[in-house]
N, C-alpha and C. Protein backbone atom coordinates (compact mmCIF):
# COMPACT_ATOMS: atom_id res chain seq x y z
N MET A 1 -57.57 13.67 37.32
CA MET A 1 -56.89 14.12 38.52
C MET A 1 -57.74 13.77 39.74
N PRO A 2 -57.15 13.24 40.78
CA PRO A 2 -57.90 12.94 41.98
C PRO A 2 -58.46 14.21 42.60
N GLY A 3 -59.72 14.15 43.04
CA GLY A 3 -60.32 15.28 43.71
C GLY A 3 -60.81 16.37 42.79
N ARG A 4 -60.61 16.23 41.51
CA ARG A 4 -61.03 17.28 40.58
C ARG A 4 -62.52 17.18 40.30
N ASN A 5 -63.17 18.31 40.23
CA ASN A 5 -64.60 18.38 39.96
C ASN A 5 -64.78 18.35 38.44
N PRO A 6 -65.27 17.25 37.87
CA PRO A 6 -65.36 17.15 36.42
C PRO A 6 -66.36 18.14 35.80
N ASN A 7 -67.35 18.59 36.58
CA ASN A 7 -68.32 19.54 36.06
C ASN A 7 -67.90 20.98 36.27
N ASN A 8 -66.78 21.18 36.96
CA ASN A 8 -66.24 22.51 37.17
C ASN A 8 -67.26 23.44 37.82
N ASP A 9 -68.00 22.93 38.79
CA ASP A 9 -68.98 23.75 39.48
C ASP A 9 -69.10 23.30 40.93
N SER A 10 -69.94 23.98 41.67
CA SER A 10 -70.14 23.67 43.07
C SER A 10 -71.62 23.86 43.39
N PRO A 11 -72.08 23.32 44.53
CA PRO A 11 -73.48 23.55 44.90
C PRO A 11 -73.81 25.04 44.95
N MET A 12 -72.94 25.82 45.57
CA MET A 12 -73.16 27.26 45.63
C MET A 12 -73.13 27.87 44.23
N GLY A 13 -72.19 27.40 43.42
CA GLY A 13 -72.08 27.91 42.06
C GLY A 13 -73.33 27.65 41.24
N ARG A 14 -73.91 26.48 41.40
CA ARG A 14 -75.14 26.16 40.66
C ARG A 14 -76.28 27.08 41.08
N ILE A 15 -76.38 27.36 42.37
CA ILE A 15 -77.42 28.26 42.87
C ILE A 15 -77.21 29.66 42.30
N ILE A 16 -75.98 30.15 42.38
CA ILE A 16 -75.67 31.49 41.87
C ILE A 16 -75.96 31.59 40.38
N MET A 17 -75.50 30.62 39.60
CA MET A 17 -75.69 30.69 38.16
C MET A 17 -77.15 30.57 37.77
N THR A 18 -77.91 29.75 38.48
CA THR A 18 -79.34 29.63 38.20
C THR A 18 -80.02 30.97 38.42
N ARG A 19 -79.70 31.61 39.54
CA ARG A 19 -80.32 32.90 39.85
C ARG A 19 -79.87 33.99 38.87
N LEU A 20 -78.60 33.99 38.50
CA LEU A 20 -78.12 34.98 37.52
C LEU A 20 -78.85 34.81 36.19
N LYS A 21 -79.06 33.57 35.77
CA LYS A 21 -79.79 33.33 34.52
C LYS A 21 -81.23 33.82 34.63
N GLU A 22 -81.86 33.55 35.78
CA GLU A 22 -83.24 34.02 35.98
C GLU A 22 -83.31 35.55 35.92
N MET A 23 -82.29 36.20 36.42
CA MET A 23 -82.25 37.66 36.46
C MET A 23 -81.69 38.26 35.17
N GLU A 24 -81.22 37.38 34.27
CA GLU A 24 -80.56 37.80 33.03
C GLU A 24 -79.38 38.73 33.32
N ARG A 25 -78.55 38.29 34.25
CA ARG A 25 -77.36 39.03 34.67
C ARG A 25 -76.13 38.14 34.53
N SER A 26 -74.97 38.76 34.60
CA SER A 26 -73.71 38.04 34.40
C SER A 26 -72.90 37.99 35.70
N GLN A 27 -71.86 37.18 35.67
CA GLN A 27 -70.93 37.14 36.80
C GLN A 27 -70.25 38.49 36.96
N ALA A 28 -69.97 39.17 35.86
CA ALA A 28 -69.35 40.49 35.92
C ALA A 28 -70.27 41.48 36.65
N TRP A 29 -71.57 41.42 36.35
CA TRP A 29 -72.54 42.27 37.04
C TRP A 29 -72.52 41.98 38.54
N LEU A 30 -72.55 40.69 38.89
CA LEU A 30 -72.55 40.31 40.30
C LEU A 30 -71.29 40.80 40.99
N SER A 31 -70.15 40.68 40.33
CA SER A 31 -68.90 41.13 40.95
C SER A 31 -68.93 42.64 41.21
N ARG A 32 -69.50 43.41 40.29
CA ARG A 32 -69.60 44.85 40.51
C ARG A 32 -70.52 45.16 41.70
N GLN A 33 -71.65 44.46 41.76
CA GLN A 33 -72.60 44.69 42.85
C GLN A 33 -71.99 44.28 44.20
N ALA A 34 -71.23 43.20 44.20
CA ALA A 34 -70.64 42.68 45.44
C ALA A 34 -69.30 43.35 45.77
N GLU A 35 -68.84 44.21 44.85
CA GLU A 35 -67.58 44.92 45.03
C GLU A 35 -66.40 43.95 45.24
N CYS A 36 -66.33 42.98 44.34
CA CYS A 36 -65.21 42.04 44.35
C CYS A 36 -64.79 41.77 42.90
N ALA A 37 -63.69 41.10 42.73
CA ALA A 37 -63.17 40.81 41.39
C ALA A 37 -64.03 39.77 40.68
N VAL A 38 -64.09 39.87 39.37
CA VAL A 38 -64.83 38.89 38.57
C VAL A 38 -64.25 37.49 38.81
N ILE A 39 -62.94 37.40 38.93
CA ILE A 39 -62.31 36.09 39.13
C ILE A 39 -62.77 35.48 40.45
N THR A 40 -63.07 36.30 41.45
CA THR A 40 -63.58 35.80 42.72
C THR A 40 -64.91 35.10 42.52
N ILE A 41 -65.81 35.75 41.80
CA ILE A 41 -67.11 35.13 41.51
C ILE A 41 -66.92 33.87 40.69
N SER A 42 -66.05 33.93 39.69
CA SER A 42 -65.79 32.77 38.84
C SER A 42 -65.28 31.59 39.68
N PHE A 43 -64.35 31.85 40.58
CA PHE A 43 -63.81 30.78 41.42
C PHE A 43 -64.86 30.22 42.38
N ILE A 44 -65.73 31.08 42.88
CA ILE A 44 -66.82 30.60 43.75
C ILE A 44 -67.73 29.66 42.96
N VAL A 45 -68.11 30.09 41.76
CA VAL A 45 -69.00 29.28 40.92
C VAL A 45 -68.35 27.94 40.57
N LYS A 46 -67.05 27.95 40.32
CA LYS A 46 -66.34 26.72 39.95
C LYS A 46 -66.00 25.84 41.14
N GLY A 47 -66.24 26.33 42.34
CA GLY A 47 -65.92 25.55 43.53
C GLY A 47 -64.46 25.61 43.91
N ARG A 48 -63.75 26.60 43.40
CA ARG A 48 -62.33 26.74 43.71
C ARG A 48 -62.07 27.69 44.86
N LEU A 49 -63.12 28.37 45.32
CA LEU A 49 -62.98 29.33 46.40
C LEU A 49 -64.23 29.29 47.27
N ARG A 50 -64.02 29.25 48.56
CA ARG A 50 -65.13 29.33 49.50
C ARG A 50 -65.14 30.76 50.03
N PRO A 51 -66.19 31.52 49.72
CA PRO A 51 -66.23 32.91 50.15
C PRO A 51 -66.45 33.03 51.65
N SER A 52 -66.10 34.20 52.17
CA SER A 52 -66.36 34.46 53.59
C SER A 52 -67.86 34.45 53.83
N VAL A 53 -68.23 34.34 55.08
CA VAL A 53 -69.65 34.40 55.44
C VAL A 53 -70.21 35.75 55.01
N GLU A 54 -69.44 36.81 55.20
CA GLU A 54 -69.90 38.14 54.84
C GLU A 54 -70.16 38.27 53.34
N LEU A 55 -69.23 37.78 52.52
CA LEU A 55 -69.42 37.84 51.07
C LEU A 55 -70.59 36.95 50.65
N THR A 56 -70.72 35.79 51.27
CA THR A 56 -71.84 34.90 50.96
C THR A 56 -73.17 35.59 51.24
N GLN A 57 -73.26 36.27 52.37
CA GLN A 57 -74.49 36.99 52.71
C GLN A 57 -74.75 38.14 51.74
N LYS A 58 -73.70 38.82 51.34
CA LYS A 58 -73.84 39.93 50.39
C LYS A 58 -74.34 39.43 49.04
N ILE A 59 -73.78 38.33 48.56
CA ILE A 59 -74.22 37.73 47.29
C ILE A 59 -75.69 37.32 47.39
N ALA A 60 -76.05 36.71 48.49
CA ALA A 60 -77.44 36.29 48.69
C ALA A 60 -78.38 37.49 48.62
N GLN A 61 -78.01 38.56 49.28
CA GLN A 61 -78.84 39.76 49.29
C GLN A 61 -78.97 40.33 47.87
N ILE A 62 -77.88 40.41 47.14
CA ILE A 62 -77.89 40.94 45.78
C ILE A 62 -78.79 40.10 44.88
N LEU A 63 -78.72 38.78 45.06
CA LEU A 63 -79.48 37.87 44.20
C LEU A 63 -80.90 37.62 44.71
N GLY A 64 -81.22 38.14 45.88
CA GLY A 64 -82.55 37.93 46.43
C GLY A 64 -82.80 36.50 46.87
N ILE A 65 -81.74 35.89 47.40
CA ILE A 65 -81.80 34.50 47.87
C ILE A 65 -81.74 34.51 49.39
N ASP A 66 -82.44 33.59 50.02
CA ASP A 66 -82.34 33.43 51.47
C ASP A 66 -80.88 33.13 51.81
N PRO A 67 -80.24 33.95 52.63
CA PRO A 67 -78.83 33.72 52.95
C PRO A 67 -78.54 32.32 53.49
N GLU A 68 -79.50 31.73 54.20
CA GLU A 68 -79.28 30.39 54.76
C GLU A 68 -79.07 29.35 53.67
N ILE A 69 -79.70 29.55 52.52
CA ILE A 69 -79.53 28.61 51.40
C ILE A 69 -78.08 28.65 50.91
N LEU A 70 -77.57 29.87 50.69
CA LEU A 70 -76.18 29.97 50.23
C LEU A 70 -75.20 29.57 51.32
N LEU A 71 -75.50 29.91 52.57
CA LEU A 71 -74.59 29.53 53.64
C LEU A 71 -74.50 28.02 53.79
N SER A 72 -75.62 27.32 53.61
CA SER A 72 -75.56 25.85 53.71
C SER A 72 -74.82 25.28 52.51
N ALA A 73 -74.98 25.88 51.34
CA ALA A 73 -74.24 25.42 50.16
C ALA A 73 -72.75 25.71 50.30
N ARG A 74 -72.43 26.78 51.04
CA ARG A 74 -71.04 27.17 51.26
C ARG A 74 -70.28 26.09 52.02
N THR A 75 -70.97 25.35 52.86
CA THR A 75 -70.29 24.34 53.67
C THR A 75 -70.06 23.03 52.91
N GLU A 76 -70.62 22.93 51.71
CA GLU A 76 -70.38 21.72 50.91
C GLU A 76 -68.90 21.61 50.59
N ARG A 77 -68.44 20.41 50.41
CA ARG A 77 -67.03 20.14 50.14
C ARG A 77 -66.54 20.90 48.92
N LEU A 78 -65.39 21.55 49.08
CA LEU A 78 -64.74 22.19 47.95
C LEU A 78 -63.94 21.15 47.17
N TRP A 79 -63.87 21.32 45.89
CA TRP A 79 -63.04 20.47 45.06
C TRP A 79 -61.66 21.07 45.03
N HIS A 80 -60.67 20.23 45.15
CA HIS A 80 -59.29 20.72 45.16
C HIS A 80 -58.64 20.43 43.82
N TYR A 81 -57.99 21.44 43.29
CA TYR A 81 -57.28 21.32 42.02
C TYR A 81 -55.80 21.22 42.32
N GLU A 82 -55.19 20.24 41.70
CA GLU A 82 -53.75 20.04 41.94
C GLU A 82 -52.99 20.43 40.71
């Protein structure tokens, strides 16, 4: 499919998943901490959803990541699924 991300991930998603693995935590844990749906975190990781600046900052704080790193990854091109 044109525009499809074959790795099913995003720059932000790779950062989030790397940090979750380091912390030995899950996407479900992150969703509870961020007070959002698990599917929201899943879509962010897969590059199917670009979170708001506020949610991006909240995720960064929860994961102990410099918010600027996630905010710059947030601006990377989203993959579109048709």
